[in-house]
Amino acid sequence: MFDAGSFALELLVTGAPGRFSVYEVFDKVENLGPWIAESRMTIGIPLDPADVVATDEEMRALREFRNTLWRVAPALAAGDQPAPEDLVVINEAVGAPPRIAIDTKTGRTTWAPPVTGTQILAAAARDAVGIIGTDLRERVRQCQGSRCLLTFLDTSRPGNRRWCSMQRCGNRHKVGAYRERKG
């Protein structure tokens, strides 16, 4: 399982323009609820996908934001400054994130419905600002797998994570190195 280390960077696996459009998740409103319910945003506070509502315009804004991150994240991973126009897109998306509340029946923390597309976008934008505008930007990495473009926030203590996933690219590297040694 891929752990992006960040809710904003987790959006990158929902598709992209061009050849990655075949993986598009945000092409239909009904895809947002199930995706967000399994996302990093809901760690510790489960979300019922039925509580997520979005308009076509909110879905378009989510795709635009995500596509912006496809330019920003590789720039950060390379140690470069993101383009000012991309930072404007991120800054404009910052708003009120989804609200949490105490469920009156269970007494547990829950998401206050409805959770809107705009609130989800705002949560991702706040997360992105918290990375780009701080020293965390130095922990944004691109997977070192030879055919992998995934970008993640390295949350490991030593800061030396190399792979999107040890089960995927890390294992491929180990198998390749083993075969080369035995070769």
Protein backbone atom coordinates (compact mmCIF):
# COMPACT_ATOMS: atom_id res chain seq x y z
CA MET A 1 0.00 0.00 0.00
CA PHE A 2 1.31 3.43 -0.94
CA ASP A 3 1.61 5.87 1.96
CA ALA A 4 2.00 9.38 0.57
CA GLY A 5 2.71 10.72 4.06
CA SER A 6 0.40 13.63 3.35
CA PHE A 7 -3.26 14.06 2.43
CA ALA A 8 -2.38 16.56 -0.31
CA LEU A 9 0.17 14.24 -1.90
CA GLU A 10 -2.27 11.35 -1.61
CA LEU A 11 -4.36 13.15 -4.24
CA LEU A 12 -1.67 12.36 -6.82
CA VAL A 13 -2.82 8.75 -7.08
CA THR A 14 -6.30 9.83 -8.20
CA GLY A 15 -5.21 10.49 -11.78
CA ALA A 16 -3.45 13.13 -13.80
CA PRO A 17 -3.66 14.83 -17.16
CA GLY A 18 -2.31 13.06 -20.22
CA ARG A 19 -1.40 9.38 -20.15
CA PHE A 20 -2.48 8.99 -16.51
CA SER A 21 -6.03 10.16 -17.21
CA VAL A 22 -7.03 6.48 -17.47
CA TYR A 23 -6.67 6.33 -13.67
CA GLU A 24 -8.95 9.34 -13.10
CA VAL A 25 -10.98 9.02 -9.89
CA PHE A 26 -12.40 12.54 -9.79
CA ASP A 27 -14.27 12.26 -13.11
CA LYS A 28 -17.53 11.43 -11.32
CA VAL A 29 -19.04 12.95 -8.19
CA GLU A 30 -19.98 9.49 -6.87
CA ASN A 31 -16.29 8.48 -6.75
CA LEU A 32 -15.33 11.14 -4.23
CA GLY A 33 -17.11 9.71 -1.16
CA PRO A 34 -15.60 6.21 -1.33
CA TRP A 35 -12.13 7.61 -2.12
CA ILE A 36 -12.13 10.15 0.72
CA ALA A 37 -13.48 7.56 3.19
CA GLU A 38 -10.34 5.46 2.52
CA SER A 39 -7.95 8.43 2.48
CA ARG A 40 -5.46 9.65 5.02
CA MET A 41 -7.89 12.46 5.97
CA THR A 42 -10.09 9.96 7.77
CA ILE A 43 -7.40 8.29 9.89
CA GLY A 44 -8.84 8.13 13.39
CA ILE A 45 -12.20 9.61 12.37
CA PRO A 46 -14.16 7.35 10.03
CA LEU A 47 -16.29 8.96 7.34
CA ASP A 48 -19.43 7.55 5.77
CA PRO A 49 -19.07 8.04 1.99
CA ALA A 50 -22.76 8.97 1.88
CA ASP A 51 -21.94 12.10 3.92
CA VAL A 52 -19.75 13.45 1.09
CA VAL A 53 -21.44 15.76 -1.40
CA ALA A 54 -19.88 17.58 -4.32
CA THR A 55 -20.89 19.48 -7.40
CA ASP A 56 -19.37 19.10 -10.85
CA GLU A 57 -17.62 22.45 -10.29
CA GLU A 58 -16.09 21.20 -7.01
CA MET A 59 -14.85 18.09 -8.81
CA ARG A 60 -13.30 20.28 -11.52
CA ALA A 61 -11.57 22.35 -8.81
CA LEU A 62 -10.24 19.18 -7.14
CA ARG A 63 -8.84 17.96 -10.47
CA GLU A 64 -7.23 21.36 -11.15
CA PHE A 65 -5.68 21.38 -7.67
CA ARG A 66 -4.44 17.81 -8.05
CA ASN A 67 -2.97 18.58 -11.47
CA THR A 68 -1.18 21.57 -9.93
CA LEU A 69 0.32 19.24 -7.33
CA TRP A 70 1.64 17.09 -10.19
CA ARG A 71 3.85 20.07 -11.08
CA VAL A 72 4.63 21.25 -7.54
CA ALA A 73 5.57 17.92 -5.92
CA PRO A 74 8.30 16.96 -8.43
CA ALA A 75 9.72 20.49 -8.19
CA LEU A 76 9.95 20.16 -4.40
CA ALA A 77 11.46 16.67 -4.68
CA ALA A 78 14.14 18.13 -6.97
CA GLY A 79 14.83 20.95 -4.49
CA ASP A 80 13.35 23.56 -6.83
CA GLN A 81 10.93 26.39 -6.09
CA PRO A 82 7.43 25.71 -7.46
CA ALA A 83 6.12 28.10 -10.11
CA PRO A 84 4.40 31.18 -8.63
CA GLU A 85 1.21 30.51 -10.61
CA ASP A 86 0.98 27.04 -9.06
CA LEU A 87 1.36 28.50 -5.57
CA VAL A 88 -1.50 30.89 -6.38
CA VAL A 89 -3.76 27.91 -7.18
CA ILE A 90 -2.86 26.32 -3.83
CA ASN A 91 -3.30 29.53 -1.85
CA GLU A 92 -6.69 30.22 -3.42
CA ALA A 93 -7.93 26.76 -2.43
CA VAL A 94 -7.26 27.28 1.28
CA GLY A 95 -10.56 27.68 3.05
CA ALA A 96 -12.68 26.09 5.73
CA PRO A 97 -11.88 22.35 6.01
CA PRO A 98 -14.48 19.74 6.97
CA ARG A 99 -15.78 20.18 10.49
CA ILE A 100 -15.55 17.54 13.15
CA ALA A 101 -18.18 17.10 15.83
CA ILE A 102 -19.17 14.76 18.63
CA ASP A 103 -21.76 12.21 17.56
CA THR A 104 -24.74 12.65 19.89
CA LYS A 105 -25.54 8.92 19.80
CA THR A 106 -22.07 7.44 20.34
CA GLY A 107 -20.21 10.30 22.00
CA ARG A 108 -17.36 9.73 19.50
CA THR A 109 -15.68 12.18 17.16
CA THR A 110 -17.24 12.23 13.71
CA TRP A 111 -17.31 14.37 10.59
CA ALA A 112 -20.15 16.91 10.60
CA PRO A 113 -22.17 16.18 7.47
CA PRO A 114 -22.26 17.16 4.77
CA VAL A 115 -18.58 17.07 3.89
CA THR A 116 -18.37 19.06 0.66
CA GLY A 117 -15.95 18.99 -2.23
CA THR A 118 -14.90 22.53 -1.32
CA GLN A 119 -14.09 21.46 2.25
CA ILE A 120 -12.05 18.49 1.00
CA LEU A 121 -10.15 20.80 -1.35
CA ALA A 122 -9.52 23.21 1.53
CA ALA A 123 -8.16 20.39 3.71
CA ALA A 124 -5.78 19.33 0.94
CA ALA A 125 -4.70 22.93 0.31
CA ARG A 126 -3.99 23.52 4.01
CA ASP A 127 -1.93 20.33 4.06
CA ALA A 128 -0.01 21.45 0.97
CA VAL A 129 0.69 24.87 2.50
CA GLY A 130 1.93 23.13 5.66
CA ILE A 131 4.49 21.28 3.54
CA ILE A 132 5.48 23.85 0.93
CA GLY A 133 5.76 26.74 3.38
CA THR A 134 7.87 24.90 5.97
CA ASP A 135 11.01 22.78 6.24
CA LEU A 136 8.85 19.74 5.42
CA ARG A 137 9.35 20.72 1.77
CA GLU A 138 12.85 19.23 2.12
CA ARG A 139 11.24 15.86 2.91
CA VAL A 140 9.26 15.61 -0.33
CA ARG A 141 10.71 12.72 -2.33
CA GLN A 142 10.12 11.06 -5.66
CA CYS A 143 10.25 7.27 -5.63
CA GLN A 144 13.61 5.99 -6.82
CA GLY A 145 11.98 3.10 -8.66
CA SER A 146 13.11 3.15 -12.27
CA ARG A 147 9.57 3.35 -13.68
CA CYS A 148 7.78 5.08 -10.81
CA LEU A 149 6.63 8.69 -10.67
CA LEU A 150 5.00 8.63 -7.23
CA THR A 151 5.90 11.46 -4.89
CA PHE A 152 5.62 11.28 -1.11
CA LEU A 153 6.44 13.08 2.12
CA ASP A 154 9.23 11.20 3.90
CA THR A 155 8.01 10.92 7.47
CA SER A 156 10.66 8.41 8.52
CA ARG A 157 12.75 9.46 11.50
CA PRO A 158 16.10 9.39 9.65
CA GLY A 159 14.58 10.95 6.52
CA ASN A 160 15.98 8.35 4.15
CA ARG A 161 12.88 6.75 2.60
CA ARG A 162 13.59 5.91 -1.05
CA TRP A 163 10.57 4.02 -2.32
CA CYS A 164 6.87 4.66 -2.75
CA SER A 165 6.44 1.25 -1.13
CA MET A 166 8.88 -1.44 -0.04
CA GLN A 167 6.36 -4.02 -1.26
CA ARG A 168 6.42 -2.54 -4.76
CA CYS A 169 9.43 -0.55 -5.93
CA GLY A 170 11.67 -1.39 -2.98
CA ASN A 171 11.14 -5.09 -3.57
CA ARG A 172 11.71 -4.72 -7.32
CA HIS A 173 15.02 -3.02 -6.58
CA LYS A 174 16.08 -5.76 -4.15
CA VAL A 175 15.15 -8.52 -6.60
CA GLY A 176 17.03 -6.75 -9.40
CA ALA A 177 20.12 -6.28 -7.23
CA TYR A 178 19.99 -9.93 -6.16
CA ARG A 179 19.73 -11.12 -9.76
CA GLU A 180 22.60 -8.87 -10.75
CA ARG A 181 24.81 -10.32 -7.99
CA LYS A 182 23.88 -13.90 -8.88
CA GLY A 183 23.92 -13.15 -12.56
